Amino acid sequence: MEHRNKFQEMLNNVNTSTANGRFFVRMLTVLSQLEIEIVSERTKFGLNSAIKSGHLPGVVPLEYKKDGNKKLS
């Protein structure tokens, strides 16, 4: 599924030469960074949970095999 998103300020032009324009752009970057960090935390928690439950994510290295207990041998 392809999404075509576009942000267009309809009421006010974002003028980055003014204090309000710079503030607006900085708030967008802060929200973007927050979203990146939340996704990163969720990924780390999910991988840790998977490893604790015995699932080894990723491809089994050469010369190794998974036994019935999901451990490498």
PDB file of N, CA and C in Angstrom:
ATOM      1  N   MET A   1       0.838  -1.166   0.000  1.00  0.00           N
ATOM      2  CA  MET A   1       0.000   0.000   0.000  1.00  0.00           C
ATOM      3  C   MET A   1       0.892   1.240   0.000  1.00  0.00           C
ATOM      4  N   GLU A   2       0.630   2.107  -0.904  1.00  0.00           N
ATOM      5  CA  GLU A   2       1.448   3.303  -1.032  1.00  0.00           C
ATOM      6  C   GLU A   2       0.666   4.502  -0.517  1.00  0.00           C
ATOM      7  N   HIS A   3       1.325   5.292   0.332  1.00  0.00           N
ATOM      8  CA  HIS A   3       0.709   6.497   0.863  1.00  0.00           C
ATOM      9  C   HIS A   3       1.435   7.706   0.307  1.00  0.00           C
ATOM     10  N   ARG A   4       0.697   8.653  -0.096  1.00  0.00           N
ATOM     11  CA  ARG A   4       1.296   9.898  -0.574  1.00  0.00           C
ATOM     12  C   ARG A   4       0.849  11.008   0.369  1.00  0.00           C
ATOM     13  N   ASN A   5       1.710  11.312   1.312  1.00  0.00           N
ATOM     14  CA  ASN A   5       1.411  12.346   2.286  1.00  0.00           C
ATOM     15  C   ASN A   5       2.109  13.636   1.907  1.00  0.00           C
ATOM     16  N   LYS A   6       1.422  14.735   2.151  1.00  0.00           N
ATOM     17  CA  LYS A   6       2.001  16.031   1.847  1.00  0.00           C
ATOM     18  C   LYS A   6       1.536  17.005   2.918  1.00  0.00           C
ATOM     19  N   PHE A   7       2.465  17.762   3.458  1.00  0.00           N
ATOM     20  CA  PHE A   7       2.130  18.788   4.437  1.00  0.00           C
ATOM     21  C   PHE A   7       2.107  20.127   3.740  1.00  0.00           C
ATOM     22  N   GLN A   8       0.977  20.773   3.841  1.00  0.00           N
ATOM     23  CA  GLN A   8       0.876  22.103   3.246  1.00  0.00           C
ATOM     24  C   GLN A   8       0.153  23.001   4.240  1.00  0.00           C
ATOM     25  N   GLU A   9       0.825  24.031   4.658  1.00  0.00           N
ATOM     26  CA  GLU A   9       0.245  25.004   5.569  1.00  0.00           C
ATOM     27  C   GLU A   9      -0.732  25.861   4.781  1.00  0.00           C
ATOM     28  N   MET A  10      -2.003  25.799   5.141  1.00  0.00           N
ATOM     29  CA  MET A  10      -3.022  26.498   4.372  1.00  0.00           C
ATOM     30  C   MET A  10      -3.258  27.922   4.873  1.00  0.00           C
ATOM     31  N   LEU A  11      -3.199  28.141   6.177  1.00  0.00           N
ATOM     32  CA  LEU A  11      -3.567  29.445   6.714  1.00  0.00           C
ATOM     33  C   LEU A  11      -2.389  30.400   6.802  1.00  0.00           C
ATOM     34  N   ASN A  12      -1.250  29.888   7.228  1.00  0.00           N
ATOM     35  CA  ASN A  12      -0.083  30.739   7.415  1.00  0.00           C
ATOM     36  C   ASN A  12       1.110  30.132   6.700  1.00  0.00           C
ATOM     37  N   ASN A  13       1.919  30.965   6.130  1.00  0.00           N
ATOM     38  CA  ASN A  13       3.172  30.479   5.581  1.00  0.00           C
ATOM     39  C   ASN A  13       4.156  30.282   6.724  1.00  0.00           C
ATOM     40  N   VAL A  14       4.919  29.205   6.670  1.00  0.00           N
ATOM     41  CA  VAL A  14       5.942  28.979   7.676  1.00  0.00           C
ATOM     42  C   VAL A  14       7.172  29.733   7.226  1.00  0.00           C
ATOM     43  N   ASN A  15       7.434  30.820   7.890  1.00  0.00           N
ATOM     44  CA  ASN A  15       8.560  31.668   7.547  1.00  0.00           C
ATOM     45  C   ASN A  15       9.649  31.435   8.583  1.00  0.00           C
ATOM     46  N   THR A  16      10.712  30.757   8.196  1.00  0.00           N
ATOM     47  CA  THR A  16      11.755  30.396   9.153  1.00  0.00           C
ATOM     48  C   THR A  16      12.686  31.560   9.472  1.00  0.00           C
ATOM     49  N   SER A  17      12.413  32.711   8.944  1.00  0.00           N
ATOM     50  CA  SER A  17      13.214  33.877   9.317  1.00  0.00           C
ATOM     51  C   SER A  17      12.616  34.589  10.535  1.00  0.00           C
ATOM     52  N   THR A  18      11.433  34.119  10.979  1.00  0.00           N
ATOM     53  CA  THR A  18      10.811  34.699  12.175  1.00  0.00           C
ATOM     54  C   THR A  18      10.927  33.723  13.332  1.00  0.00           C
ATOM     55  N   ALA A  19      10.734  34.240  14.531  1.00  0.00           N
ATOM     56  CA  ALA A  19      10.819  33.402  15.727  1.00  0.00           C
ATOM     57  C   ALA A  19       9.735  32.324  15.722  1.00  0.00           C
ATOM     58  N   ASN A  20       8.524  32.680  15.324  1.00  0.00           N
ATOM     59  CA  ASN A  20       7.435  31.697  15.290  1.00  0.00           C
ATOM     60  C   ASN A  20       7.686  30.605  14.259  1.00  0.00           C
ATOM     61  N   GLY A  21       8.213  30.969  13.123  1.00  0.00           N
ATOM     62  CA  GLY A  21       8.522  29.973  12.089  1.00  0.00           C
ATOM     63  C   GLY A  21       9.598  29.008  12.538  1.00  0.00           C
ATOM     64  N   ARG A  22      10.656  29.520  13.150  1.00  0.00           N
ATOM     65  CA  ARG A  22      11.717  28.646  13.667  1.00  0.00           C
ATOM     66  C   ARG A  22      11.196  27.750  14.780  1.00  0.00           C
ATOM     67  N   PHE A  23      10.339  28.300  15.643  1.00  0.00           N
ATOM     68  CA  PHE A  23       9.744  27.502  16.719  1.00  0.00           C
ATOM     69  C   PHE A  23       8.933  26.349  16.140  1.00  0.00           C
ATOM     70  N   PHE A  24       8.126  26.634  15.133  1.00  0.00           N
ATOM     71  CA  PHE A  24       7.288  25.610  14.529  1.00  0.00           C
ATOM     72  C   PHE A  24       8.129  24.486  13.926  1.00  0.00           C
ATOM     73  N   VAL A  25       9.164  24.845  13.198  1.00  0.00           N
ATOM     74  CA  VAL A  25      10.031  23.836  12.577  1.00  0.00           C
ATOM     75  C   VAL A  25      10.746  23.016  13.654  1.00  0.00           C
ATOM     76  N   ARG A  26      11.196  23.661  14.708  1.00  0.00           N
ATOM     77  CA  ARG A  26      11.875  22.933  15.795  1.00  0.00           C
ATOM     78  C   ARG A  26      10.926  21.981  16.503  1.00  0.00           C
ATOM     79  N   MET A  27       9.673  22.394  16.689  1.00  0.00           N
ATOM     80  CA  MET A  27       8.699  21.502  17.322  1.00  0.00           C
ATOM     81  C   MET A  27       8.461  20.263  16.456  1.00  0.00           C
ATOM     82  N   LEU A  28       8.421  20.442  15.145  1.00  0.00           N
ATOM     83  CA  LEU A  28       8.260  19.289  14.257  1.00  0.00           C
ATOM     84  C   LEU A  28       9.445  18.337  14.368  1.00  0.00           C
ATOM     85  N   THR A  29      10.659  18.887  14.454  1.00  0.00           N
ATOM     86  CA  THR A  29      11.832  18.014  14.569  1.00  0.00           C
ATOM     87  C   THR A  29      11.869  17.309  15.915  1.00  0.00           C
ATOM     88  N   VAL A  30      11.429  17.976  16.984  1.00  0.00           N
ATOM     89  CA  VAL A  30      11.382  17.340  18.301  1.00  0.00           C
ATOM     90  C   VAL A  30      10.386  16.180  18.292  1.00  0.00           C
ATOM     91  N   LEU A  31       9.222  16.389  17.698  1.00  0.00           N
ATOM     92  CA  LEU A  31       8.232  15.313  17.615  1.00  0.00           C
ATOM     93  C   LEU A  31       8.736  14.152  16.765  1.00  0.00           C
ATOM     94  N   SER A  32       9.447  14.467  15.708  1.00  0.00           N
ATOM     95  CA  SER A  32      10.017  13.418  14.866  1.00  0.00           C
ATOM     96  C   SER A  32      11.043  12.599  15.639  1.00  0.00           C
ATOM     97  N   GLN A  33      11.904  13.268  16.384  1.00  0.00           N
ATOM     98  CA  GLN A  33      12.911  12.562  17.179  1.00  0.00           C
ATOM     99  C   GLN A  33      12.258  11.703  18.257  1.00  0.00           C
ATOM    100  N   LEU A  34      11.197  12.209  18.878  1.00  0.00           N
ATOM    101  CA  LEU A  34      10.468  11.431  19.878  1.00  0.00           C
ATOM    102  C   LEU A  34       9.929  10.146  19.265  1.00  0.00           C
ATOM    103  N   GLU A  35       9.340  10.238  18.094  1.00  0.00           N
ATOM    104  CA  GLU A  35       8.794   9.054  17.431  1.00  0.00           C
ATOM    105  C   GLU A  35       9.896   8.047  17.110  1.00  0.00           C
ATOM    106  N   ILE A  36      11.048   8.520  16.653  1.00  0.00           N
ATOM    107  CA  ILE A  36      12.172   7.635  16.349  1.00  0.00           C
ATOM    108  C   ILE A  36      12.619   6.884  17.604  1.00  0.00           C
ATOM    109  N   GLU A  37      12.722   7.597  18.719  1.00  0.00           N
ATOM    110  CA  GLU A  37      13.183   6.974  19.960  1.00  0.00           C
ATOM    111  C   GLU A  37      12.154   5.998  20.522  1.00  0.00           C
ATOM    112  N   ILE A  38      10.867   6.295  20.382  1.00  0.00           N
ATOM    113  CA  ILE A  38       9.831   5.374  20.849  1.00  0.00           C
ATOM    114  C   ILE A  38       9.877   4.078  20.045  1.00  0.00           C
ATOM    115  N   VAL A  39      10.019   4.176  18.737  1.00  0.00           N
ATOM    116  CA  VAL A  39      10.110   2.976  17.899  1.00  0.00           C
ATOM    117  C   VAL A  39      11.346   2.159  18.269  1.00  0.00           C
ATOM    118  N   SER A  40      12.451   2.828  18.525  1.00  0.00           N
ATOM    119  CA  SER A  40      13.685   2.144  18.909  1.00  0.00           C
ATOM    120  C   SER A  40      13.506   1.398  20.229  1.00  0.00           C
ATOM    121  N   GLU A  41      12.875   2.043  21.214  1.00  0.00           N
ATOM    122  CA  GLU A  41      12.643   1.393  22.503  1.00  0.00           C
ATOM    123  C   GLU A  41      11.743   0.177  22.349  1.00  0.00           C
ATOM    124  N   ARG A  42      10.679   0.301  21.580  1.00  0.00           N
ATOM    125  CA  ARG A  42       9.765  -0.827  21.377  1.00  0.00           C
ATOM    126  C   ARG A  42      10.478  -1.994  20.710  1.00  0.00           C
ATOM    127  N   THR A  43      11.333  -1.697  19.755  1.00  0.00           N
ATOM    128  CA  THR A  43      12.078  -2.752  19.070  1.00  0.00           C
ATOM    129  C   THR A  43      13.003  -3.472  20.037  1.00  0.00           C
ATOM    130  N   LYS A  44      13.720  -2.716  20.867  1.00  0.00           N
ATOM    131  CA  LYS A  44      14.626  -3.327  21.843  1.00  0.00           C
ATOM    132  C   LYS A  44      13.868  -4.186  22.844  1.00  0.00           C
ATOM    133  N   PHE A  45      12.729  -3.673  23.364  1.00  0.00           N
ATOM    134  CA  PHE A  45      11.933  -4.448  24.314  1.00  0.00           C
ATOM    135  C   PHE A  45      11.395  -5.722  23.664  1.00  0.00           C
ATOM    136  N   GLY A  46      10.957  -5.616  22.416  1.00  0.00           N
ATOM    137  CA  GLY A  46      10.445  -6.788  21.713  1.00  0.00           C
ATOM    138  C   GLY A  46      11.515  -7.842  21.483  1.00  0.00           C
ATOM    139  N   LEU A  47      12.722  -7.415  21.095  1.00  0.00           N
ATOM    140  CA  LEU A  47      13.813  -8.372  20.892  1.00  0.00           C
ATOM    141  C   LEU A  47      14.212  -9.032  22.206  1.00  0.00           C
ATOM    142  N   ASN A  48      14.293  -8.248  23.279  1.00  0.00           N
ATOM    143  CA  ASN A  48      14.639  -8.820  24.584  1.00  0.00           C
ATOM    144  C   ASN A  48      13.596  -9.829  25.030  1.00  0.00           C
ATOM    145  N   SER A  49      12.339  -9.519  24.818  1.00  0.00           N
ATOM    146  CA  SER A  49      11.261 -10.437  25.187  1.00  0.00           C
ATOM    147  C   SER A  49      11.328 -11.719  24.361  1.00  0.00           C
ATOM    148  N   ALA A  50      11.598 -11.582  23.070  1.00  0.00           N
ATOM    149  CA  ALA A  50      11.700 -12.760  22.206  1.00  0.00           C
ATOM    150  C   ALA A  50      12.865 -13.651  22.629  1.00  0.00           C
ATOM    151  N   ILE A  51      13.991 -13.041  22.966  1.00  0.00           N
ATOM    152  CA  ILE A  51      15.162 -13.814  23.380  1.00  0.00           C
ATOM    153  C   ILE A  51      14.889 -14.524  24.706  1.00  0.00           C
ATOM    154  N   LYS A  52      14.230 -13.831  25.654  1.00  0.00           N
ATOM    155  CA  LYS A  52      13.914 -14.451  26.947  1.00  0.00           C
ATOM    156  C   LYS A  52      12.956 -15.618  26.800  1.00  0.00           C
ATOM    157  N   SER A  53      12.059 -15.546  25.807  1.00  0.00           N
ATOM    158  CA  SER A  53      11.108 -16.638  25.603  1.00  0.00           C
ATOM    159  C   SER A  53      11.707 -17.788  24.793  1.00  0.00           C
ATOM    160  N   GLY A  54      12.963 -17.640  24.369  1.00  0.00           N
ATOM    161  CA  GLY A  54      13.645 -18.732  23.694  1.00  0.00           C
ATOM    162  C   GLY A  54      13.742 -18.599  22.197  1.00  0.00           C
ATOM    163  N   HIS A  55      13.171 -17.575  21.637  1.00  0.00           N
ATOM    164  CA  HIS A  55      13.251 -17.377  20.187  1.00  0.00           C
ATOM    165  C   HIS A  55      14.517 -16.604  19.857  1.00  0.00           C
ATOM    166  N   LEU A  56      15.312 -17.153  18.981  1.00  0.00           N
ATOM    167  CA  LEU A  56      16.524 -16.469  18.547  1.00  0.00           C
ATOM    168  C   LEU A  56      16.239 -15.780  17.219  1.00  0.00           C
ATOM    169  N   PRO A  57      16.140 -14.458  17.233  1.00  0.00           N
ATOM    170  CA  PRO A  57      15.842 -13.755  15.977  1.00  0.00           C
ATOM    171  C   PRO A  57      17.027 -13.802  15.026  1.00  0.00           C
ATOM    172  N   GLY A  58      16.724 -13.750  13.759  1.00  0.00           N
ATOM    173  CA  GLY A  58      17.788 -13.720  12.761  1.00  0.00           C
ATOM    174  C   GLY A  58      18.036 -15.089  12.152  1.00  0.00           C
ATOM    175  N   VAL A  59      19.063 -15.145  11.332  1.00  0.00           N
ATOM    176  CA  VAL A  59      19.419 -16.353  10.600  1.00  0.00           C
ATOM    177  C   VAL A  59      20.433 -17.147  11.417  1.00  0.00           C
ATOM    178  N   VAL A  60      20.302 -18.465  11.394  1.00  0.00           N
ATOM    179  CA  VAL A  60      21.250 -19.322  12.093  1.00  0.00           C
ATOM    180  C   VAL A  60      22.596 -19.254  11.370  1.00  0.00           C
ATOM    181  N   PRO A  61      23.686 -18.994  12.111  1.00  0.00           N
ATOM    182  CA  PRO A  61      24.999 -18.912  11.473  1.00  0.00           C
ATOM    183  C   PRO A  61      25.404 -20.241  10.828  1.00  0.00           C
ATOM    184  N   LEU A  62      26.299 -20.171   9.859  1.00  0.00           N
ATOM    185  CA  LEU A  62      26.794 -21.390   9.215  1.00  0.00           C
ATOM    186  C   LEU A  62      27.405 -22.313  10.250  1.00  0.00           C
ATOM    187  N   GLU A  63      27.310 -23.609  10.005  1.00  0.00           N
ATOM    188  CA  GLU A  63      27.862 -24.651  10.867  1.00  0.00           C
ATOM    189  C   GLU A  63      27.053 -24.859  12.142  1.00  0.00           C
ATOM    190  N   TYR A  64      25.951 -24.135  12.353  1.00  0.00           N
ATOM    191  CA  TYR A  64      25.116 -24.301  13.536  1.00  0.00           C
ATOM    192  C   TYR A  64      23.740 -24.778  13.117  1.00  0.00           C
ATOM    193  N   LYS A  65      23.049 -25.430  14.047  1.00  0.00           N
ATOM    194  CA  LYS A  65      21.677 -25.873  13.836  1.00  0.00           C
ATOM    195  C   LYS A  65      20.883 -25.607  15.102  1.00  0.00           C
ATOM    196  N   LYS A  66      19.580 -25.360  14.929  1.00  0.00           N
ATOM    197  CA  LYS A  66      18.700 -25.214  16.079  1.00  0.00           C
ATOM    198  C   LYS A  66      18.189 -26.581  16.483  1.00  0.00           C
ATOM    199  N   ASP A  67      18.272 -26.897  17.759  1.00  0.00           N
ATOM    200  CA  ASP A  67      17.722 -28.162  18.213  1.00  0.00           C
ATOM    201  C   ASP A  67      16.255 -27.947  18.623  1.00  0.00           C
ATOM    202  N   GLY A  68      15.612 -28.947  19.186  1.00  0.00           N
ATOM    203  CA  GLY A  68      14.217 -28.861  19.552  1.00  0.00           C
ATOM    204  C   GLY A  68      13.914 -27.812  20.616  1.00  0.00           C
ATOM    205  N   ASN A  69      14.915 -27.442  21.397  1.00  0.00           N
ATOM    206  CA  ASN A  69      14.733 -26.437  22.441  1.00  0.00           C
ATOM    207  C   ASN A  69      15.017 -25.024  21.970  1.00  0.00           C
ATOM    208  N   LYS A  70      15.112 -24.855  20.660  1.00  0.00           N
ATOM    209  CA  LYS A  70      15.385 -23.547  20.047  1.00  0.00           C
ATOM    210  C   LYS A  70      16.757 -23.013  20.429  1.00  0.00           C
ATOM    211  N   LYS A  71      17.664 -23.897  20.749  1.00  0.00           N
ATOM    212  CA  LYS A  71      19.031 -23.490  21.067  1.00  0.00           C
ATOM    213  C   LYS A  71      19.959 -23.909  19.942  1.00  0.00           C
ATOM    214  N   LEU A  72      21.053 -23.185  19.809  1.00  0.00           N
ATOM    215  CA  LEU A  72      22.025 -23.522  18.780  1.00  0.00           C
ATOM    216  C   LEU A  72      22.901 -24.648  19.246  1.00  0.00           C
ATOM    217  N   SER A  73      23.216 -25.546  18.327  1.00  0.00           N
ATOM    218  CA  SER A  73      24.144 -26.626  18.664  1.00  0.00           C
ATOM    219  C   SER A  73      25.107 -26.826  17.520  1.00  0.00           C
TER     220      SER A  73
END
